[in-house]
Amino acid sequence: MKEATIRVILVDDDRLLREALADLVRSRPDLAVAGTAGDARSAVELAARERPTVALVDVKMPGGGPAATRGIVEASPGTRVIALSVFDDRGSVRSMIRAGAIGYIVKNAPSAEIIDAIRLAASGLGHLSAGVAADVVREFAGQLEREARVAEEQESLRDLIDRALEPGAITPVYQPIVDLRTSRIIGVEALARFMIEPSRPPDAWFHDAATDGRSAELEIAAIRAALAAFDDPALGSIYLSVNLSPQTIIESPALDAFFALPPEQIVLEVTEHAPVADYDALAAALASFRAAGGRLAVDDAGAGFASLRHILRLEPDVIKIDLSLTRDVDTDRRKRALTAAFVTFATELGISIVAEGIETASELSALRGLGVANGQGYFLRKPTSLHQAVEPIEALS
């Protein structure tokens, strides 16, 4: 039985090349020229009318080879497109393959290769010229290598966070929050320290957990470690301040039951460095916790996302002034003015103020003069064990 003739359209803006290709196609008994076109629009119209088996399409012709290819494939779904071009760069190859071409031939290819490519395309098989094929293989190999490297890094990151979540990997330390008028310790902030290799600051561990999509797991593990040590009746009314990101709060139901401490003994710090995508959802997640007596603090006030809006929307019980404002508050009048504004605002609304990062006696004196009631920082006491953190502090001068 005689095989069906392969009908070919030739699309190129070079008339002499079209004629040469037409002569080549006609020289083979199993091939026939179904028509020629010199631009993308004419090529699509020709394909829609003739429904050819194969279309040879120039990459850089008027209207663009990719546009012509997409149009031909849409107008005549059974047509197989072969890109034909003097260009063999990866960008041109990719653009044509993405547009729907199944082959790519450079124009200086031997006549036999062009004929073979047409016959392969008619059978649904692709063909790439040797130079193009080598580039594509190299690029594909490079892509596989990159994907393997990314997968290896992801696996390593998962293993790292798995180890950080193992029992005993997190050791909590506590920094006292001090009444600056009486030198009395009124609370402690729990901070996570990771006792595993590699030795890195806590921020690096939480960043990696976020990259791995496991922020909530690590944050909650850190709080559980802090709570496990905070069970001494001798602590009396000293409160525990813990840090959670807004998204973790939203994703963690029943916060009031989670802490296993009287809610009035918990201050939940929401950092200002993390944006809040949905304040209503955050308020709803905090509602039962706050109704039961739990308090909310805005951490790092003055250093993150739109301070005043953040505070107004969250309506916190405590504002913690960021150490970037505390540092040099004794010598920088701009910082004093902004701190004073926070104090006035907080006093008007019945919000407690805590200054973070107090490092010198002069900063302490300036903050007292501005009416800041509470503070924490290395000058008062560094983060340490819970037992040492709550030991009485000598009267502040």
Protein backbone atom coordinates (compact mmCIF):
# COMPACT_ATOMS: atom_id res chain seq x y z
CA MET A 1 0.00 0.00 0.00
CA LYS A 2 1.33 3.40 -0.98
CA GLU A 3 2.27 5.61 1.96
CA ALA A 4 0.41 8.92 2.38
CA THR A 5 2.17 11.98 1.04
CA ILE A 6 3.66 14.30 3.66
CA ARG A 7 2.32 17.78 2.90
CA VAL A 8 4.72 20.57 3.92
CA ILE A 9 4.36 24.35 4.16
CA LEU A 10 7.49 26.52 4.06
CA VAL A 11 7.53 29.74 6.08
CA ASP A 12 10.45 32.13 5.62
CA ASP A 13 10.82 35.78 4.65
CA ASP A 14 13.72 34.91 2.30
CA ARG A 15 12.13 34.17 -1.09
CA LEU A 16 15.20 32.45 -2.49
CA LEU A 17 15.40 30.14 0.54
CA ARG A 18 11.69 29.30 0.19
CA GLU A 19 12.24 28.35 -3.43
CA ALA A 20 15.29 26.24 -2.57
CA LEU A 21 13.40 24.43 0.15
CA ALA A 22 10.44 23.91 -2.17
CA ASP A 23 12.74 22.31 -4.77
CA LEU A 24 14.22 20.07 -2.05
CA VAL A 25 10.79 18.92 -0.86
CA ARG A 26 9.51 18.27 -4.38
CA SER A 27 12.57 16.14 -5.12
CA ARG A 28 11.28 13.47 -2.75
CA PRO A 29 8.32 11.34 -3.92
CA ASP A 30 6.81 11.04 -0.46
CA LEU A 31 6.81 14.83 0.14
CA ALA A 32 4.73 17.64 -1.35
CA VAL A 33 4.70 21.41 -0.98
CA ALA A 34 1.32 22.55 0.35
CA GLY A 35 2.23 26.23 0.17
CA THR A 36 4.68 28.94 1.22
CA ALA A 37 4.46 32.10 3.32
CA GLY A 38 6.76 34.99 4.20
CA ASP A 39 5.41 36.16 7.54
CA ALA A 40 3.66 34.85 10.65
CA ARG A 41 0.16 36.02 9.77
CA SER A 42 0.23 34.50 6.28
CA ALA A 43 1.67 31.28 7.71
CA VAL A 44 -1.21 30.87 10.15
CA GLU A 45 -3.79 31.56 7.44
CA LEU A 46 -2.04 29.05 5.14
CA ALA A 47 -1.97 26.36 7.85
CA ALA A 48 -5.64 26.89 8.66
CA ARG A 49 -6.54 26.51 4.99
CA GLU A 50 -4.23 23.67 3.92
CA ARG A 51 -3.91 21.65 7.16
CA PRO A 52 -0.38 20.50 6.28
CA THR A 53 1.41 17.56 7.88
CA VAL A 54 4.57 19.57 8.64
CA ALA A 55 5.47 23.25 8.74
CA LEU A 56 9.05 24.50 8.39
CA VAL A 57 9.06 27.87 10.20
CA ASP A 58 11.79 30.52 10.25
CA VAL A 59 12.57 31.76 13.78
CA LYS A 60 13.30 35.41 12.99
CA MET A 61 10.83 36.20 10.21
CA PRO A 62 8.36 39.13 10.38
CA GLY A 63 5.84 38.50 13.14
CA GLY A 64 8.22 36.06 14.82
CA GLY A 65 8.66 32.32 14.58
CA PRO A 66 7.24 31.62 18.05
CA ALA A 67 4.04 33.56 17.26
CA ALA A 68 3.72 31.76 13.92
CA THR A 69 4.26 28.40 15.61
CA ARG A 70 1.61 29.03 18.25
CA GLY A 71 -0.83 30.18 15.58
CA ILE A 72 -0.17 27.19 13.32
CA VAL A 73 -0.57 24.70 16.16
CA GLU A 74 -3.84 26.34 17.17
CA ALA A 75 -5.21 26.67 13.64
CA SER A 76 -4.14 23.17 12.56
CA PRO A 77 -3.58 20.95 15.61
CA GLY A 78 -2.36 18.03 13.51
CA THR A 79 0.50 20.03 11.99
CA ARG A 80 4.00 19.37 13.33
CA VAL A 81 6.26 22.43 13.36
CA ILE A 82 10.01 22.36 12.73
CA ALA A 83 11.97 25.51 13.50
CA LEU A 84 14.42 26.54 10.80
CA SER A 85 16.97 29.23 11.53
CA VAL A 86 20.53 30.45 11.15
CA PHE A 87 20.38 31.04 14.91
CA ASP A 88 21.20 28.14 17.22
CA ASP A 89 21.37 30.02 20.51
CA ARG A 90 19.56 28.52 23.48
CA GLY A 91 17.11 31.41 23.73
CA SER A 92 15.86 30.87 20.19
CA VAL A 93 15.64 27.12 20.71
CA ARG A 94 13.73 27.47 23.97
CA SER A 95 11.29 30.02 22.57
CA MET A 96 10.38 27.80 19.62
CA ILE A 97 10.11 24.59 21.64
CA ARG A 98 7.89 26.38 24.18
CA ALA A 99 5.74 27.69 21.33
CA GLY A 100 5.11 24.13 20.14
CA ALA A 101 7.88 23.20 17.71
CA ILE A 102 9.03 19.60 17.95
CA GLY A 103 12.26 20.06 15.98
CA TYR A 104 14.97 22.68 15.35
CA ILE A 105 17.14 22.70 12.24
CA VAL A 106 19.90 25.17 11.42
CA LYS A 107 19.80 26.46 7.87
CA ASN A 108 23.24 25.18 6.94
CA ALA A 109 22.19 21.62 7.78
CA PRO A 110 22.65 19.03 4.98
CA SER A 111 19.66 18.45 2.73
CA ALA A 112 19.35 14.87 3.95
CA GLU A 113 19.03 16.08 7.55
CA ILE A 114 16.20 18.45 6.62
CA ILE A 115 14.35 15.66 4.81
CA ASP A 116 14.86 13.29 7.74
CA ALA A 117 13.55 15.94 10.15
CA ILE A 118 10.40 16.38 8.05
CA ARG A 119 9.76 12.62 7.93
CA LEU A 120 10.38 12.26 11.69
CA ALA A 121 8.04 15.18 12.41
CA ALA A 122 5.32 13.57 10.29
CA SER A 123 5.63 10.54 12.57
CA GLY A 124 5.38 12.74 15.66
CA LEU A 125 9.10 12.58 16.45
CA GLY A 126 11.37 15.54 17.05
CA HIS A 127 14.81 16.24 15.64
CA LEU A 128 17.50 18.72 16.62
CA SER A 129 20.55 19.68 14.61
CA ALA A 130 23.76 18.38 16.13
CA GLY A 131 24.98 21.71 17.53
CA VAL A 132 21.54 22.52 18.90
CA ALA A 133 21.20 19.06 20.40
CA ALA A 134 24.52 19.38 22.19
CA ASP A 135 23.51 22.73 23.67
CA VAL A 136 20.11 21.37 24.74
CA VAL A 137 21.72 18.33 26.34
CA ARG A 138 24.22 20.54 28.18
CA GLU A 139 21.44 22.82 29.37
CA PHE A 140 19.29 19.87 30.43
CA ALA A 141 22.24 18.34 32.29
CA GLY A 142 22.88 21.68 33.97
CA GLN A 143 19.22 21.93 34.95
CA LEU A 144 19.29 18.43 36.40
CA GLU A 145 22.44 19.29 38.32
CA ARG A 146 20.82 22.45 39.69
CA GLU A 147 17.67 20.56 40.65
CA ALA A 148 19.75 17.87 42.36
CA ARG A 149 21.68 20.53 44.26
CA VAL A 150 18.47 22.23 45.37
CA ALA A 151 16.98 18.89 46.44
CA GLU A 152 20.14 18.10 48.41
CA GLU A 153 20.03 21.49 50.11
CA GLN A 154 16.35 21.02 50.96
CA GLU A 155 17.03 17.57 52.40
CA SER A 156 19.93 18.95 54.44
CA LEU A 157 17.70 21.76 55.70
CA ARG A 158 14.96 19.29 56.70
CA ASP A 159 17.52 17.20 58.59
CA LEU A 160 18.83 20.32 60.34
CA ILE A 161 15.36 21.39 61.52
CA ASP A 162 14.54 17.81 62.52
CA ARG A 163 17.55 17.89 64.84
CA ALA A 164 16.53 21.29 66.21
CA LEU A 165 13.15 19.79 67.13
CA GLU A 166 14.60 16.83 69.01
CA PRO A 167 14.18 16.81 72.82
CA GLY A 168 16.96 18.74 74.52
CA ALA A 169 18.07 20.59 71.37
CA ILE A 170 16.59 23.88 72.64
CA THR A 171 17.74 25.27 75.98
CA PRO A 172 15.74 28.27 77.14
CA VAL A 173 17.41 31.25 78.79
CA TYR A 174 15.57 34.10 80.48
CA GLN A 175 16.19 37.82 80.68
CA PRO A 176 14.52 39.74 83.51
CA ILE A 177 12.10 42.60 82.88
CA VAL A 178 12.63 45.10 85.67
CA ASP A 179 10.54 47.85 87.26
CA LEU A 180 12.97 50.74 86.82
CA ARG A 181 11.50 52.61 89.80
CA THR A 182 11.73 49.82 92.40
CA SER A 183 14.37 47.49 90.85
CA ARG A 184 11.85 44.66 91.27
CA ILE A 185 11.76 41.88 88.66
CA ILE A 186 8.25 41.77 87.26
CA GLY A 187 8.74 39.29 84.42
CA VAL A 188 11.20 37.34 82.31
CA GLU A 189 11.45 36.99 78.56
CA ALA A 190 12.17 33.46 77.35
CA LEU A 191 14.80 33.19 74.62
CA ALA A 192 15.82 30.04 72.75
CA ARG A 193 19.38 28.76 72.56
CA PHE A 194 20.20 25.82 70.30
CA MET A 195 22.62 23.34 71.83
CA ILE A 196 23.42 21.45 68.62
CA GLU A 197 25.83 21.83 65.73
CA PRO A 198 26.36 23.94 63.77
CA SER A 199 26.70 26.64 66.39
CA ARG A 200 24.67 29.59 65.14
CA PRO A 201 22.56 32.42 66.55
CA PRO A 202 18.86 31.69 67.16
CA ASP A 203 17.76 33.96 64.30
CA ALA A 204 19.56 31.67 61.83
CA TRP A 205 17.66 28.61 63.10
CA PHE A 206 14.28 30.35 62.89
CA HIS A 207 15.13 31.67 59.42
CA ASP A 208 15.95 28.15 58.23
CA ALA A 209 12.74 26.82 59.78
CA ALA A 210 10.78 29.46 57.85
CA THR A 211 12.59 28.49 54.63
CA ASP A 212 11.58 24.88 55.26
CA GLY A 213 7.98 25.92 56.01
CA ARG A 214 8.26 24.87 59.66
CA SER A 215 8.32 28.16 61.55
CA ALA A 216 5.35 27.23 63.71
CA GLU A 217 6.89 23.91 64.74
CA LEU A 218 10.14 25.50 65.91
CA GLU A 219 8.50 28.48 67.62
CA ILE A 220 6.14 26.21 69.55
CA ALA A 221 9.00 23.85 70.46
CA ALA A 222 10.92 26.82 71.88
CA ILE A 223 7.91 27.89 73.97
CA ARG A 224 7.36 24.36 75.26
CA ALA A 225 11.00 24.26 76.39
CA ALA A 226 10.55 27.60 78.17
CA LEU A 227 7.32 26.48 79.85
CA ALA A 228 8.86 23.23 81.08
CA ALA A 229 11.26 25.16 83.32
CA PHE A 230 8.72 27.77 84.41
CA ASP A 231 6.94 25.69 87.03
CA ASP A 232 8.41 26.92 90.31
CA PRO A 233 5.78 28.23 92.77
CA ALA A 234 8.49 30.51 94.16
CA LEU A 235 8.22 32.61 91.01
CA GLY A 236 5.04 34.11 92.44
CA SER A 237 3.61 36.84 90.24
CA ILE A 238 6.58 37.04 87.87
CA TYR A 239 5.21 36.68 84.34
CA LEU A 240 6.66 34.80 81.37
CA SER A 241 7.03 36.67 78.09
CA VAL A 242 7.28 34.52 74.94
CA ASN A 243 7.63 35.27 71.24
CA LEU A 244 5.35 34.07 68.44
CA SER A 245 5.04 35.24 64.85
CA PRO A 246 1.62 36.47 63.67
CA GLN A 247 1.18 33.54 61.29
CA THR A 248 1.96 30.98 63.99
CA ILE A 249 -0.62 32.61 66.26
CA ILE A 250 -3.24 32.42 63.51
CA GLU A 251 -2.40 28.76 62.83
CA SER A 252 -2.38 27.73 66.53
CA PRO A 253 -5.89 27.37 67.99
CA ALA A 254 -6.68 27.47 71.74
CA LEU A 255 -3.71 29.58 72.82
CA ASP A 256 -5.19 29.97 76.29
CA ALA A 257 -5.05 26.19 76.79
CA PHE A 258 -1.67 25.78 75.14
CA PHE A 259 0.46 27.57 77.72
CA ALA A 260 -0.53 25.46 80.78
CA LEU A 261 -0.03 28.51 82.99
CA PRO A 262 -2.57 31.00 84.33
CA PRO A 263 -3.17 33.31 81.34
CA GLU A 264 -2.45 36.38 83.45
CA GLN A 265 1.08 35.04 83.87
CA ILE A 266 1.72 35.05 80.11
CA VAL A 267 2.70 37.96 77.87
CA LEU A 268 2.69 37.05 74.21
CA GLU A 269 5.13 39.14 72.18
CA VAL A 270 4.35 39.76 68.52
CA THR A 271 7.37 41.15 66.77
CA GLU A 272 6.96 44.25 64.65
CA HIS A 273 9.55 42.88 62.21
CA ALA A 274 6.98 40.40 60.86
CA PRO A 275 4.20 41.86 58.69
CA VAL A 276 0.61 41.05 59.56
CA ALA A 277 -1.37 40.06 56.48
CA ASP A 278 -4.75 39.82 58.24
CA TYR A 279 -5.27 41.78 61.47
CA ASP A 280 -8.83 40.51 61.85
CA ALA A 281 -7.68 36.88 61.72
CA LEU A 282 -4.93 37.63 64.24
CA ALA A 283 -7.37 39.33 66.61
CA ALA A 284 -9.76 36.37 66.34
CA ALA A 285 -6.96 33.91 67.14
CA LEU A 286 -6.01 35.96 70.22
CA ALA A 287 -9.54 36.60 71.46
CA SER A 288 -9.97 33.72 73.93
CA PHE A 289 -6.40 34.07 75.22
CA ARG A 290 -6.86 37.78 75.95
CA ALA A 291 -10.37 37.30 77.34
CA ALA A 292 -8.91 34.82 79.86
CA GLY A 293 -6.37 37.40 81.07
CA GLY A 294 -3.44 36.80 78.76
CA ARG A 295 -1.60 39.93 77.65
CA LEU A 296 -0.27 40.96 74.27
CA ALA A 297 2.96 42.89 73.66
CA VAL A 298 4.16 44.58 70.50
CA ASP A 299 7.87 43.79 70.35
CA ASP A 300 10.54 45.90 68.63
CA ALA A 301 8.32 48.99 68.49
CA GLY A 302 9.90 51.66 66.36
CA ALA A 303 11.97 49.29 64.24
CA GLY A 304 9.65 47.39 61.90
CA PHE A 305 6.50 47.53 59.83
CA ALA A 306 4.54 50.78 60.21
CA SER A 307 4.86 51.09 64.01
CA LEU A 308 1.85 53.23 64.82
CA ARG A 309 -0.57 51.35 62.54
CA HIS A 310 0.68 48.03 63.94
CA ILE A 311 0.07 49.21 67.51
CA LEU A 312 -3.33 50.74 66.75
CA ARG A 313 -4.59 47.58 65.05
CA LEU A 314 -3.29 45.15 67.69
CA GLU A 315 -4.32 47.23 70.75
CA PRO A 316 -1.54 45.69 72.89
CA ASP A 317 -1.25 45.65 76.67
CA VAL A 318 2.50 46.24 76.45
CA ILE A 319 4.72 48.19 74.06
CA LYS A 320 8.36 47.09 73.98
CA ILE A 321 10.59 49.88 72.66
CA ASP A 322 13.23 48.48 70.32
CA LEU A 323 16.87 48.64 71.33
CA SER A 324 17.60 50.81 68.28
CA LEU A 325 15.70 53.60 70.09
CA THR A 326 17.09 52.78 73.52
CA ARG A 327 20.70 52.88 72.38
CA ASP A 328 22.11 56.39 72.82
CA VAL A 329 18.76 57.72 74.03
CA ASP A 330 20.79 59.71 76.55
CA THR A 331 22.60 61.65 73.78
CA ASP A 332 20.27 61.58 70.74
CA ARG A 333 17.42 64.07 71.09
CA ARG A 334 15.48 62.50 68.21
CA LYS A 335 15.40 59.16 70.01
CA ARG A 336 14.40 60.88 73.24
CA ALA A 337 11.56 62.68 71.45
CA LEU A 338 10.25 59.48 69.86
CA THR A 339 10.53 57.53 73.13
CA ALA A 340 8.68 60.33 74.93
CA ALA A 341 5.94 60.13 72.29
CA PHE A 342 5.57 56.39 72.92
CA VAL A 343 5.34 57.02 76.68
CA THR A 344 2.66 59.70 76.22
CA PHE A 345 0.69 57.52 73.83
CA ALA A 346 0.91 54.50 76.16
CA THR A 347 -0.02 56.48 79.25
CA GLU A 348 -3.09 57.89 77.53
CA LEU A 349 -4.29 54.38 76.63
CA GLY A 350 -3.21 52.55 79.76
CA ILE A 351 -0.51 50.55 78.00
CA SER A 352 2.64 49.43 79.80
CA ILE A 353 6.05 50.42 78.36
CA VAL A 354 9.20 48.26 78.41
CA ALA A 355 12.48 49.59 77.03
CA GLU A 356 14.67 46.86 75.53
CA GLY A 357 18.44 46.83 75.20
CA ILE A 358 19.47 49.05 78.15
CA GLU A 359 23.26 48.85 78.20
CA THR A 360 24.51 51.82 80.21
CA ALA A 361 23.67 53.70 83.41
CA SER A 362 23.27 56.88 81.35
CA GLU A 363 20.63 55.25 79.10
CA LEU A 364 18.82 53.96 82.18
CA SER A 365 18.81 57.44 83.72
CA ALA A 366 17.50 59.03 80.51
CA LEU A 367 14.70 56.46 80.20
CA ARG A 368 13.63 57.01 83.78
CA GLY A 369 13.56 60.74 83.14
CA LEU A 370 11.28 60.16 80.16
CA GLY A 371 8.85 58.18 82.31
CA VAL A 372 9.67 54.69 81.03
CA ALA A 373 8.55 52.41 83.85
CA ASN A 374 10.08 49.05 82.88
CA GLY A 375 13.14 47.81 81.06
CA GLN A 376 15.48 45.00 80.20
CA GLY A 377 19.00 44.81 78.86
CA TYR A 378 22.55 43.75 79.57
CA PHE A 379 23.06 46.60 82.04
CA LEU A 380 20.34 45.09 84.22
CA ARG A 381 21.10 41.39 83.57
CA LYS A 382 22.09 39.24 80.62
CA PRO A 383 19.97 36.25 79.53
CA THR A 384 20.70 33.36 81.88
CA SER A 385 19.10 30.40 83.61
CA LEU A 386 15.67 30.96 85.15
CA HIS A 387 17.06 30.60 88.68
CA GLN A 388 19.68 33.30 88.10
CA ALA A 389 17.36 35.50 86.07
CA VAL A 390 14.90 35.98 88.97
CA GLU A 391 17.47 36.64 91.67
CA PRO A 392 16.92 40.10 93.19
CA ILE A 393 18.66 43.00 91.49
CA GLU A 394 20.47 45.58 93.58
CA ALA A 395 18.72 48.91 93.82
CA LEU A 396 19.27 50.88 90.63
CA SER A 397 20.91 54.24 91.22
